[in-house]
Amino acid sequence: MTAPAGQQSAADQPQLAAARPGMADPAAWAVTAFATTSFMLGMYNAGLLNAAGVAIVFPVAFFFGGLIQIIVAILEISRGNLFGAVVFGSYGPFWVIYGALETLYATSIPPAQITSAVSLFLAMWAVLSFIFGIAALRTDVVLVVIIWLIFIGLVLLAIGIGAGQPTITKAGGWVTLAFAVLAWYHAAGDIIAGSYGRKILPVWPLAK
């Protein structure tokens, strides 16, 4: 039967990719959450937006950058993916802690000590990122670049905030924007591949 004029038949309409059996890889969900939250904060750290509006990042840090990555970390454990579980299970709490620090605990730290405290917090995740960067050398080129940029960004922010050097902090903000965009690219590659059934955006896998 021919469809009425101006309408498509069911056969002509675009179809979503059929779902595959088993659990889907949840990593793209976590990477999307991480990239989005990082980009928002990077806009403020780079000085591109007035710092008075940075509070918009806090709920995003709690419910997107933090919560989603923690959920995905648990899912990665069930999938037997240790790398994904530890990475998402570390960066997810990073965002929750950041949000909690800014909204609940910052007033508990004496003003003279807040910069050194935040610097210590950032430095600890820089150490974790260094470890993740080594482990990522067996994944793909884009992910390797993302994690090493995270390491560099955290080091710059830790130094800039701890030493009271706005220029270094801004540099850390720009690095944050760079790894956030690359993380969006990586997540987009996985999401698009899931719909089309093949890789569209290359990430250049490394030898196992």
Protein backbone atom coordinates (compact mmCIF):
# COMPACT_ATOMS: atom_id res chain seq x y z
CA MET A 1 0.00 0.00 0.00
CA THR A 2 1.31 3.44 -0.90
CA ALA A 3 1.65 5.97 1.90
CA PRO A 4 -0.51 9.11 1.60
CA ALA A 5 1.14 12.07 -0.05
CA GLY A 6 3.57 13.89 2.24
CA GLN A 7 3.99 10.83 4.50
CA GLN A 8 6.71 8.17 4.60
CA SER A 9 5.93 4.50 4.70
CA ALA A 10 7.28 2.56 7.66
CA ALA A 11 9.96 1.06 5.43
CA ASP A 12 11.16 4.50 4.38
CA GLN A 13 11.41 5.94 7.87
CA PRO A 14 14.81 5.95 9.61
CA GLN A 15 15.20 3.14 12.11
CA LEU A 16 17.22 3.07 15.31
CA ALA A 17 19.96 0.48 15.51
CA ALA A 18 18.66 -2.76 16.97
CA ALA A 19 19.66 -3.35 20.58
CA ARG A 20 22.26 -6.06 21.05
CA PRO A 21 21.94 -8.71 23.77
CA GLY A 22 23.90 -8.24 26.99
CA MET A 23 24.99 -5.13 28.84
CA ALA A 24 25.99 -2.15 26.72
CA ASP A 25 29.34 -0.49 27.38
CA PRO A 26 28.46 2.38 29.78
CA ALA A 27 31.80 4.20 29.43
CA ALA A 28 30.50 6.80 26.96
CA TRP A 29 27.89 7.88 29.53
CA ALA A 30 30.59 8.51 32.14
CA VAL A 31 32.93 10.23 29.70
CA THR A 32 30.11 12.50 28.53
CA ALA A 33 29.35 13.47 32.15
CA PHE A 34 33.02 14.06 32.89
CA ALA A 35 33.59 16.14 29.75
CA THR A 36 30.52 18.32 30.24
CA THR A 37 31.25 19.13 33.87
CA SER A 38 34.94 19.75 33.14
CA PHE A 39 34.13 22.10 30.26
CA MET A 40 31.78 24.15 32.41
CA LEU A 41 34.35 24.60 35.19
CA GLY A 42 37.10 25.19 32.62
CA MET A 43 35.19 28.15 31.24
CA TYR A 44 35.43 29.84 34.63
CA ASN A 45 39.01 28.80 35.42
CA ALA A 46 40.16 30.07 32.02
CA GLY A 47 38.58 33.43 32.78
CA LEU A 48 36.13 33.24 29.88
CA LEU A 49 33.12 33.70 32.17
CA ASN A 50 32.63 35.85 35.25
CA ALA A 51 33.57 33.80 38.32
CA ALA A 52 30.41 35.01 40.08
CA GLY A 53 28.44 32.43 38.08
CA VAL A 54 30.57 29.41 38.97
CA ALA A 55 27.91 28.10 41.39
CA ILE A 56 26.06 26.66 38.37
CA VAL A 57 28.81 24.03 38.20
CA PHE A 58 28.12 22.67 41.70
CA PRO A 59 24.82 20.83 41.04
CA VAL A 60 26.25 19.56 37.75
CA ALA A 61 29.27 18.26 39.67
CA PHE A 62 27.00 16.41 42.11
CA PHE A 63 24.42 14.91 39.78
CA PHE A 64 26.16 14.56 36.41
CA GLY A 65 29.92 14.64 36.67
CA GLY A 66 29.90 12.83 40.01
CA LEU A 67 26.88 10.57 40.35
CA ILE A 68 26.90 9.26 36.77
CA GLN A 69 30.56 8.28 36.89
CA ILE A 70 30.07 6.47 40.19
CA ILE A 71 27.15 4.51 38.72
CA VAL A 72 29.23 3.63 35.66
CA ALA A 73 32.16 2.58 37.86
CA ILE A 74 29.89 0.05 39.57
CA LEU A 75 28.67 -1.20 36.19
CA GLU A 76 32.25 -1.54 34.99
CA ILE A 77 33.03 -3.76 37.98
CA SER A 78 30.20 -6.07 36.95
CA ARG A 79 31.63 -6.11 33.41
CA GLY A 80 35.09 -7.03 34.70
CA ASN A 81 36.67 -3.78 33.47
CA LEU A 82 39.11 -2.81 36.22
CA PHE A 83 40.50 0.21 34.36
CA GLY A 84 37.07 1.75 33.78
CA ALA A 85 35.93 0.95 37.31
CA VAL A 86 38.92 2.65 38.94
CA VAL A 87 39.05 5.66 36.60
CA PHE A 88 35.33 6.46 36.78
CA GLY A 89 35.28 5.46 40.46
CA SER A 90 37.95 8.09 41.11
CA TYR A 91 36.91 10.98 38.87
CA GLY A 92 33.26 10.60 39.92
CA PRO A 93 34.01 11.12 43.62
CA PHE A 94 36.35 13.96 42.60
CA TRP A 95 33.34 15.92 41.35
CA VAL A 96 31.20 15.02 44.36
CA ILE A 97 33.97 16.14 46.71
CA TYR A 98 34.45 19.33 44.72
CA GLY A 99 30.75 20.14 44.93
CA ALA A 100 30.62 19.29 48.64
CA LEU A 101 33.73 21.37 49.36
CA GLU A 102 32.33 24.42 47.62
CA THR A 103 28.84 24.18 49.13
CA LEU A 104 29.32 22.57 52.54
CA TYR A 105 32.87 22.52 53.81
CA ALA A 106 34.74 25.56 52.48
CA THR A 107 33.56 27.69 55.40
CA SER A 108 35.06 25.15 57.83
CA ILE A 109 38.56 25.85 56.52
CA PRO A 110 40.27 29.05 57.71
CA PRO A 111 40.53 31.56 54.84
CA ALA A 112 44.33 31.59 55.12
CA GLN A 113 44.42 27.82 54.54
CA ILE A 114 41.79 27.33 51.84
CA THR A 115 44.16 27.73 48.89
CA SER A 116 46.66 25.19 50.24
CA ALA A 117 43.82 22.78 51.05
CA VAL A 118 42.36 22.99 47.53
CA SER A 119 45.86 22.69 46.07
CA LEU A 120 46.40 19.47 48.05
CA PHE A 121 43.06 18.10 46.83
CA LEU A 122 43.96 18.79 43.19
CA ALA A 123 47.48 17.41 43.61
CA MET A 124 46.14 14.09 44.92
CA TRP A 125 44.04 13.60 41.80
CA ALA A 126 47.02 14.60 39.68
CA VAL A 127 48.87 11.64 41.22
CA LEU A 128 45.94 9.36 40.37
CA SER A 129 45.84 10.75 36.82
CA PHE A 130 49.54 9.97 36.42
CA ILE A 131 48.81 6.33 37.29
CA PHE A 132 45.81 6.27 34.94
CA GLY A 133 47.93 7.80 32.18
CA ILE A 134 50.37 4.91 32.36
CA ALA A 135 47.55 2.34 32.35
CA ALA A 136 45.89 4.13 29.41
CA LEU A 137 48.91 3.43 27.19
CA ARG A 138 47.22 0.12 26.33
CA THR A 139 43.88 1.68 25.31
CA ASP A 140 43.77 4.25 22.48
CA VAL A 141 45.60 7.42 21.45
CA VAL A 142 42.72 9.82 22.15
CA LEU A 143 42.19 8.47 25.67
CA VAL A 144 45.92 8.65 26.39
CA VAL A 145 45.98 12.32 25.37
CA ILE A 146 42.87 13.04 27.45
CA ILE A 147 44.27 11.55 30.65
CA TRP A 148 47.69 13.17 30.31
CA LEU A 149 46.00 16.51 29.69
CA ILE A 150 43.95 15.92 32.84
CA PHE A 151 47.22 15.34 34.70
CA ILE A 152 48.75 18.53 33.31
CA GLY A 153 45.60 20.54 34.02
CA LEU A 154 45.42 19.37 37.63
CA VAL A 155 49.10 20.17 38.18
CA LEU A 156 48.65 23.67 36.76
CA LEU A 157 45.53 24.30 38.84
CA ALA A 158 47.18 22.97 42.01
CA ILE A 159 50.17 25.25 41.49
CA GLY A 160 48.14 28.24 40.39
CA ILE A 161 45.66 28.08 43.27
CA GLY A 162 48.22 27.08 45.89
CA ALA A 163 50.70 29.80 44.91
CA GLY A 164 48.07 32.43 44.18
CA GLN A 165 49.10 32.71 40.52
CA PRO A 166 46.02 33.54 38.40
CA THR A 167 47.95 33.16 35.14
CA ILE A 168 48.84 29.55 35.94
CA THR A 169 45.26 28.89 37.05
CA LYS A 170 43.99 30.26 33.73
CA ALA A 171 46.42 28.02 31.88
CA GLY A 172 44.97 25.09 33.82
CA GLY A 173 41.51 26.23 32.75
CA TRP A 174 42.50 26.21 29.08
CA VAL A 175 43.98 22.72 29.44
CA THR A 176 40.70 21.66 31.06
CA LEU A 177 38.77 22.94 28.04
CA ALA A 178 41.10 21.01 25.74
CA PHE A 179 40.68 17.65 27.46
CA ALA A 180 36.93 18.21 27.84
CA VAL A 181 36.54 18.68 24.07
CA LEU A 182 38.65 15.59 23.39
CA ALA A 183 36.57 13.63 25.91
CA TRP A 184 33.40 14.70 24.11
CA TYR A 185 34.98 13.46 20.88
CA HIS A 186 35.82 10.10 22.45
CA ALA A 187 32.32 9.70 23.90
CA ALA A 188 30.74 10.75 20.60
CA GLY A 189 32.77 8.09 18.83
CA ASP A 190 31.39 5.37 21.09
CA ILE A 191 27.81 6.66 20.95
CA ILE A 192 27.80 7.00 17.16
CA ALA A 193 29.43 3.58 16.76
CA GLY A 194 26.68 2.11 18.92
CA SER A 195 24.02 3.51 16.59
CA TYR A 196 25.72 2.76 13.27
CA GLY A 197 27.28 -0.57 14.22
CA ARG A 198 30.75 0.56 13.16
CA LYS A 199 33.40 3.08 14.11
CA ILE A 200 32.93 6.50 12.48
CA LEU A 201 35.25 8.70 14.57
CA PRO A 202 38.74 7.19 14.88
CA VAL A 203 40.47 6.94 18.27
CA TRP A 204 43.47 4.89 17.08
CA PRO A 205 43.57 1.83 19.37
CA LEU A 206 46.94 0.88 20.81
CA ALA A 207 48.39 -2.61 20.91
CA LYS A 208 47.33 -4.69 23.90
